[in-house]
Amino acid sequence: MAIRLYLLRHAVAERGTGVPDLERELTPAGLDSTERAAATLVQRGLRFDGGLTSPARRAERTAEIYWRHLGNGELQASAALAPGAEPEEVLAAVIDAARAEAALARWLLVGHMPDLAELVSFLAPGRGVSFAPGGLARVDFAGKPRRARGKLIWIYRPERLLEVTEI
């Protein structure tokens, strides 16, 4: 079965002054841009079958908004996507979750920079990428996700999601 991974960087978050990093919230602008991006993707017909998110509050909130609009099934927090995530750990978490839910083909992964850029390079080598806050990328696999076997289909900033033609 083909698997599509949608990698989403959390939206714009508060600065870390006086707040532990994992507890930082999204800004009002971050909340608004996330709502608009998710609504745009609903209009494009995107749905997610499974989802994993960093346990950081800013990522969880971004994931919750996307999930409310686009999710089927269960959204799970995963330490594998916490800040500083290693690509091998993220891939193992996806494989474990996909194994438990064998029929799920479209996965949302919500995390952080530079971790998501490193993950794309690990999964679909050949091109360096960067994620803006709220940026979304799609990586496709012909079968089970494996290192260097993915194909980066697209990566967009949130304000450019209206341009997505291939969901």
C-alpha atoms as a PDB file:
ATOM      1  CA  MET A   1       0.000   0.000   0.000  1.00  0.00           C
ATOM      2  CA  ALA A   2       1.250   3.493  -0.834  1.00  0.00           C
ATOM      3  CA  ILE A   3       1.844   5.760   2.140  1.00  0.00           C
ATOM      4  CA  ARG A   4       1.769   9.554   2.144  1.00  0.00           C
ATOM      5  CA  LEU A   5       3.399  11.476   4.957  1.00  0.00           C
ATOM      6  CA  TYR A   6       2.382  15.087   5.464  1.00  0.00           C
ATOM      7  CA  LEU A   7       4.978  16.889   7.567  1.00  0.00           C
ATOM      8  CA  LEU A   8       3.736  20.028   9.297  1.00  0.00           C
ATOM      9  CA  ARG A   9       5.796  22.513  11.264  1.00  0.00           C
ATOM     10  CA  HIS A  10       3.925  24.045  14.179  1.00  0.00           C
ATOM     11  CA  ALA A  11       2.558  27.534  13.577  1.00  0.00           C
ATOM     12  CA  VAL A  12       4.044  30.756  14.965  1.00  0.00           C
ATOM     13  CA  ALA A  13       4.535  30.386  18.713  1.00  0.00           C
ATOM     14  CA  GLU A  14       5.169  32.728  21.603  1.00  0.00           C
ATOM     15  CA  ARG A  15       8.738  33.630  22.452  1.00  0.00           C
ATOM     16  CA  GLY A  16      10.245  31.509  25.210  1.00  0.00           C
ATOM     17  CA  THR A  17      10.674  34.241  27.810  1.00  0.00           C
ATOM     18  CA  GLY A  18       9.875  32.742  31.201  1.00  0.00           C
ATOM     19  CA  VAL A  19       7.985  29.777  29.769  1.00  0.00           C
ATOM     20  CA  PRO A  20       9.473  26.278  29.467  1.00  0.00           C
ATOM     21  CA  ASP A  21      10.031  25.431  25.799  1.00  0.00           C
ATOM     22  CA  LEU A  22       7.540  22.548  25.716  1.00  0.00           C
ATOM     23  CA  GLU A  23       4.795  24.791  27.148  1.00  0.00           C
ATOM     24  CA  ARG A  24       4.997  27.639  24.625  1.00  0.00           C
ATOM     25  CA  GLU A  25       1.609  28.441  23.063  1.00  0.00           C
ATOM     26  CA  LEU A  26       0.727  29.571  19.563  1.00  0.00           C
ATOM     27  CA  THR A  27       0.326  33.302  19.027  1.00  0.00           C
ATOM     28  CA  PRO A  28      -3.072  34.652  17.908  1.00  0.00           C
ATOM     29  CA  ALA A  29      -1.579  35.008  14.405  1.00  0.00           C
ATOM     30  CA  GLY A  30      -0.374  31.401  14.577  1.00  0.00           C
ATOM     31  CA  LEU A  31      -3.838  30.197  15.580  1.00  0.00           C
ATOM     32  CA  ASP A  32      -5.452  32.198  12.789  1.00  0.00           C
ATOM     33  CA  SER A  33      -3.054  31.052  10.065  1.00  0.00           C
ATOM     34  CA  THR A  34      -3.484  27.424  11.162  1.00  0.00           C
ATOM     35  CA  GLU A  35      -7.281  27.673  11.004  1.00  0.00           C
ATOM     36  CA  ARG A  36      -7.111  29.255   7.532  1.00  0.00           C
ATOM     37  CA  ALA A  37      -4.615  26.683   6.222  1.00  0.00           C
ATOM     38  CA  ALA A  38      -6.680  23.754   7.502  1.00  0.00           C
ATOM     39  CA  ALA A  39      -9.863  25.218   5.997  1.00  0.00           C
ATOM     40  CA  THR A  40      -8.065  25.610   2.651  1.00  0.00           C
ATOM     41  CA  LEU A  41      -6.982  21.970   2.698  1.00  0.00           C
ATOM     42  CA  VAL A  42     -10.534  20.816   3.516  1.00  0.00           C
ATOM     43  CA  GLN A  43     -11.677  22.594   0.354  1.00  0.00           C
ATOM     44  CA  ARG A  44      -8.964  20.733  -1.552  1.00  0.00           C
ATOM     45  CA  GLY A  45     -10.296  17.402  -0.271  1.00  0.00           C
ATOM     46  CA  LEU A  46      -7.405  16.401   1.985  1.00  0.00           C
ATOM     47  CA  ARG A  47      -8.058  14.004   4.869  1.00  0.00           C
ATOM     48  CA  PHE A  48      -5.630  12.317   7.254  1.00  0.00           C
ATOM     49  CA  ASP A  49      -6.058   8.723   8.384  1.00  0.00           C
ATOM     50  CA  GLY A  50      -3.544   8.833  11.212  1.00  0.00           C
ATOM     51  CA  GLY A  51      -1.545  11.469  13.004  1.00  0.00           C
ATOM     52  CA  LEU A  52       1.457  11.869  15.276  1.00  0.00           C
ATOM     53  CA  THR A  53       2.457  15.106  16.967  1.00  0.00           C
ATOM     54  CA  SER A  54       5.265  16.395  19.097  1.00  0.00           C
ATOM     55  CA  PRO A  55       4.243  16.668  22.757  1.00  0.00           C
ATOM     56  CA  ALA A  56       5.266  20.361  22.748  1.00  0.00           C
ATOM     57  CA  ARG A  57       2.172  22.503  23.353  1.00  0.00           C
ATOM     58  CA  ARG A  58       2.651  24.600  20.184  1.00  0.00           C
ATOM     59  CA  ALA A  59       2.801  21.469  18.029  1.00  0.00           C
ATOM     60  CA  GLU A  60      -0.116  19.805  19.812  1.00  0.00           C
ATOM     61  CA  ARG A  61      -2.275  22.891  19.298  1.00  0.00           C
ATOM     62  CA  THR A  62      -1.352  23.081  15.598  1.00  0.00           C
ATOM     63  CA  ALA A  63      -2.109  19.367  15.220  1.00  0.00           C
ATOM     64  CA  GLU A  64      -5.433  19.663  17.075  1.00  0.00           C
ATOM     65  CA  ILE A  65      -6.624  22.392  14.706  1.00  0.00           C
ATOM     66  CA  TYR A  66      -5.626  20.398  11.628  1.00  0.00           C
ATOM     67  CA  TRP A  67      -7.159  17.251  13.105  1.00  0.00           C
ATOM     68  CA  ARG A  68     -10.477  18.936  13.835  1.00  0.00           C
ATOM     69  CA  HIS A  69     -10.762  19.898  10.158  1.00  0.00           C
ATOM     70  CA  LEU A  70      -8.964  17.037   8.413  1.00  0.00           C
ATOM     71  CA  GLY A  71      -8.529  14.044  10.690  1.00  0.00           C
ATOM     72  CA  ASN A  72     -10.069  10.607  10.818  1.00  0.00           C
ATOM     73  CA  GLY A  73      -9.129   8.170  13.533  1.00  0.00           C
ATOM     74  CA  GLU A  74      -6.736   9.016  16.317  1.00  0.00           C
ATOM     75  CA  LEU A  75      -4.172  11.781  16.728  1.00  0.00           C
ATOM     76  CA  GLN A  76      -1.359  10.673  19.062  1.00  0.00           C
ATOM     77  CA  ALA A  77       1.397  12.573  20.842  1.00  0.00           C
ATOM     78  CA  SER A  78       4.791  10.989  20.210  1.00  0.00           C
ATOM     79  CA  ALA A  79       8.060  11.719  21.994  1.00  0.00           C
ATOM     80  CA  ALA A  80       9.758  10.780  18.706  1.00  0.00           C
ATOM     81  CA  LEU A  81       8.621  14.169  17.316  1.00  0.00           C
ATOM     82  CA  ALA A  82       9.711  16.277  20.320  1.00  0.00           C
ATOM     83  CA  PRO A  83      12.244  19.061  19.678  1.00  0.00           C
ATOM     84  CA  GLY A  84      15.578  17.483  18.784  1.00  0.00           C
ATOM     85  CA  ALA A  85      13.909  14.480  17.149  1.00  0.00           C
ATOM     86  CA  GLU A  86      16.146  12.069  15.271  1.00  0.00           C
ATOM     87  CA  PRO A  87      14.880  10.957  11.840  1.00  0.00           C
ATOM     88  CA  GLU A  88      15.386   7.268  12.691  1.00  0.00           C
ATOM     89  CA  GLU A  89      13.154   7.605  15.769  1.00  0.00           C
ATOM     90  CA  VAL A  90      10.425   9.403  13.826  1.00  0.00           C
ATOM     91  CA  LEU A  91      10.477   6.756  11.102  1.00  0.00           C
ATOM     92  CA  ALA A  92      10.257   3.979  13.723  1.00  0.00           C
ATOM     93  CA  ALA A  93       7.275   5.717  15.374  1.00  0.00           C
ATOM     94  CA  VAL A  94       5.487   6.049  12.021  1.00  0.00           C
ATOM     95  CA  ILE A  95       6.139   2.397  11.150  1.00  0.00           C
ATOM     96  CA  ASP A  96       4.869   1.268  14.566  1.00  0.00           C
ATOM     97  CA  ALA A  97       1.736   3.410  14.304  1.00  0.00           C
ATOM     98  CA  ALA A  98       1.110   2.343  10.699  1.00  0.00           C
ATOM     99  CA  ARG A  99       1.532  -1.317  11.656  1.00  0.00           C
ATOM    100  CA  ALA A 100      -1.155  -0.913  14.315  1.00  0.00           C
ATOM    101  CA  GLU A 101      -3.437   0.760  11.780  1.00  0.00           C
ATOM    102  CA  ALA A 102      -2.647  -1.192   8.612  1.00  0.00           C
ATOM    103  CA  ALA A 103      -5.294   0.431   6.412  1.00  0.00           C
ATOM    104  CA  LEU A 104      -4.143   3.997   7.050  1.00  0.00           C
ATOM    105  CA  ALA A 105      -2.389   5.612   4.109  1.00  0.00           C
ATOM    106  CA  ARG A 106      -2.235   9.369   4.847  1.00  0.00           C
ATOM    107  CA  TRP A 107      -0.314  10.372   7.968  1.00  0.00           C
ATOM    108  CA  LEU A 108       0.066  13.817   9.501  1.00  0.00           C
ATOM    109  CA  LEU A 109       3.334  14.378  11.416  1.00  0.00           C
ATOM    110  CA  VAL A 110       3.608  17.636  13.369  1.00  0.00           C
ATOM    111  CA  GLY A 111       6.989  18.772  14.631  1.00  0.00           C
ATOM    112  CA  HIS A 112       9.746  21.357  14.650  1.00  0.00           C
ATOM    113  CA  MET A 113      12.640  22.865  12.695  1.00  0.00           C
ATOM    114  CA  PRO A 114      15.300  21.799  11.997  1.00  0.00           C
ATOM    115  CA  ASP A 115      13.994  18.301  12.772  1.00  0.00           C
ATOM    116  CA  LEU A 116      11.443  18.213   9.948  1.00  0.00           C
ATOM    117  CA  ALA A 117      13.984  19.382   7.370  1.00  0.00           C
ATOM    118  CA  GLU A 118      16.352  16.649   8.539  1.00  0.00           C
ATOM    119  CA  LEU A 119      13.511  14.132   8.307  1.00  0.00           C
ATOM    120  CA  VAL A 120      12.754  15.105   4.696  1.00  0.00           C
ATOM    121  CA  SER A 121      16.453  14.733   3.804  1.00  0.00           C
ATOM    122  CA  PHE A 122      16.495  11.340   5.524  1.00  0.00           C
ATOM    123  CA  LEU A 123      13.346  10.093   3.784  1.00  0.00           C
ATOM    124  CA  ALA A 124      13.725  11.731   0.370  1.00  0.00           C
ATOM    125  CA  PRO A 125      17.354  12.722  -0.184  1.00  0.00           C
ATOM    126  CA  GLY A 126      18.507  15.028  -2.887  1.00  0.00           C
ATOM    127  CA  ARG A 127      17.217  18.422  -1.896  1.00  0.00           C
ATOM    128  CA  GLY A 128      17.572  20.575   1.177  1.00  0.00           C
ATOM    129  CA  VAL A 129      14.356  22.083   2.499  1.00  0.00           C
ATOM    130  CA  SER A 130      13.270  24.503   5.172  1.00  0.00           C
ATOM    131  CA  PHE A 131       9.882  24.806   6.833  1.00  0.00           C
ATOM    132  CA  ALA A 132       8.338  28.164   7.648  1.00  0.00           C
ATOM    133  CA  PRO A 133       6.080  28.161  10.714  1.00  0.00           C
ATOM    134  CA  GLY A 134       2.929  26.363   9.579  1.00  0.00           C
ATOM    135  CA  GLY A 135       4.715  24.982   6.505  1.00  0.00           C
ATOM    136  CA  LEU A 136       3.522  21.650   5.120  1.00  0.00           C
ATOM    137  CA  ALA A 137       5.300  19.053   2.958  1.00  0.00           C
ATOM    138  CA  ARG A 138       4.188  15.819   1.341  1.00  0.00           C
ATOM    139  CA  VAL A 139       6.491  12.810   1.013  1.00  0.00           C
ATOM    140  CA  ASP A 140       5.211   9.704  -0.805  1.00  0.00           C
ATOM    141  CA  PHE A 141       6.302   6.069  -0.541  1.00  0.00           C
ATOM    142  CA  ALA A 142       5.414   3.185  -2.856  1.00  0.00           C
ATOM    143  CA  GLY A 143       5.087   0.932   0.201  1.00  0.00           C
ATOM    144  CA  LYS A 144       6.266   0.993   3.787  1.00  0.00           C
ATOM    145  CA  PRO A 145       8.163   4.212   4.616  1.00  0.00           C
ATOM    146  CA  ARG A 146      11.921   3.618   4.531  1.00  0.00           C
ATOM    147  CA  ARG A 147      15.062   5.699   4.616  1.00  0.00           C
ATOM    148  CA  ALA A 148      15.877   7.266   1.227  1.00  0.00           C
ATOM    149  CA  ARG A 149      12.827   5.633  -0.427  1.00  0.00           C
ATOM    150  CA  GLY A 150      10.463   8.600  -0.308  1.00  0.00           C
ATOM    151  CA  LYS A 151       9.717  11.220  -2.906  1.00  0.00           C
ATOM    152  CA  LEU A 152       9.200  14.842  -1.881  1.00  0.00           C
ATOM    153  CA  ILE A 153       6.094  15.883  -3.808  1.00  0.00           C
ATOM    154  CA  TRP A 154       5.771  19.441  -2.503  1.00  0.00           C
ATOM    155  CA  ILE A 155       6.471  21.826   0.347  1.00  0.00           C
ATOM    156  CA  TYR A 156       4.457  24.999   0.912  1.00  0.00           C
ATOM    157  CA  ARG A 157       4.313  27.953   3.239  1.00  0.00           C
ATOM    158  CA  PRO A 158       0.850  28.238   4.866  1.00  0.00           C
ATOM    159  CA  GLU A 159      -0.160  31.283   2.811  1.00  0.00           C
ATOM    160  CA  ARG A 160       0.610  29.392  -0.416  1.00  0.00           C
ATOM    161  CA  LEU A 161      -1.499  26.301   0.290  1.00  0.00           C
ATOM    162  CA  LEU A 162      -4.138  27.594  -2.134  1.00  0.00           C
ATOM    163  CA  GLU A 163      -1.621  26.751  -4.852  1.00  0.00           C
ATOM    164  CA  VAL A 164      -1.511  23.060  -3.983  1.00  0.00           C
ATOM    165  CA  THR A 165      -2.830  21.148  -6.974  1.00  0.00           C
ATOM    166  CA  GLU A 166      -1.916  17.599  -6.007  1.00  0.00           C
ATOM    167  CA  ILE A 167      -3.246  16.751  -2.541  1.00  0.00           C
END
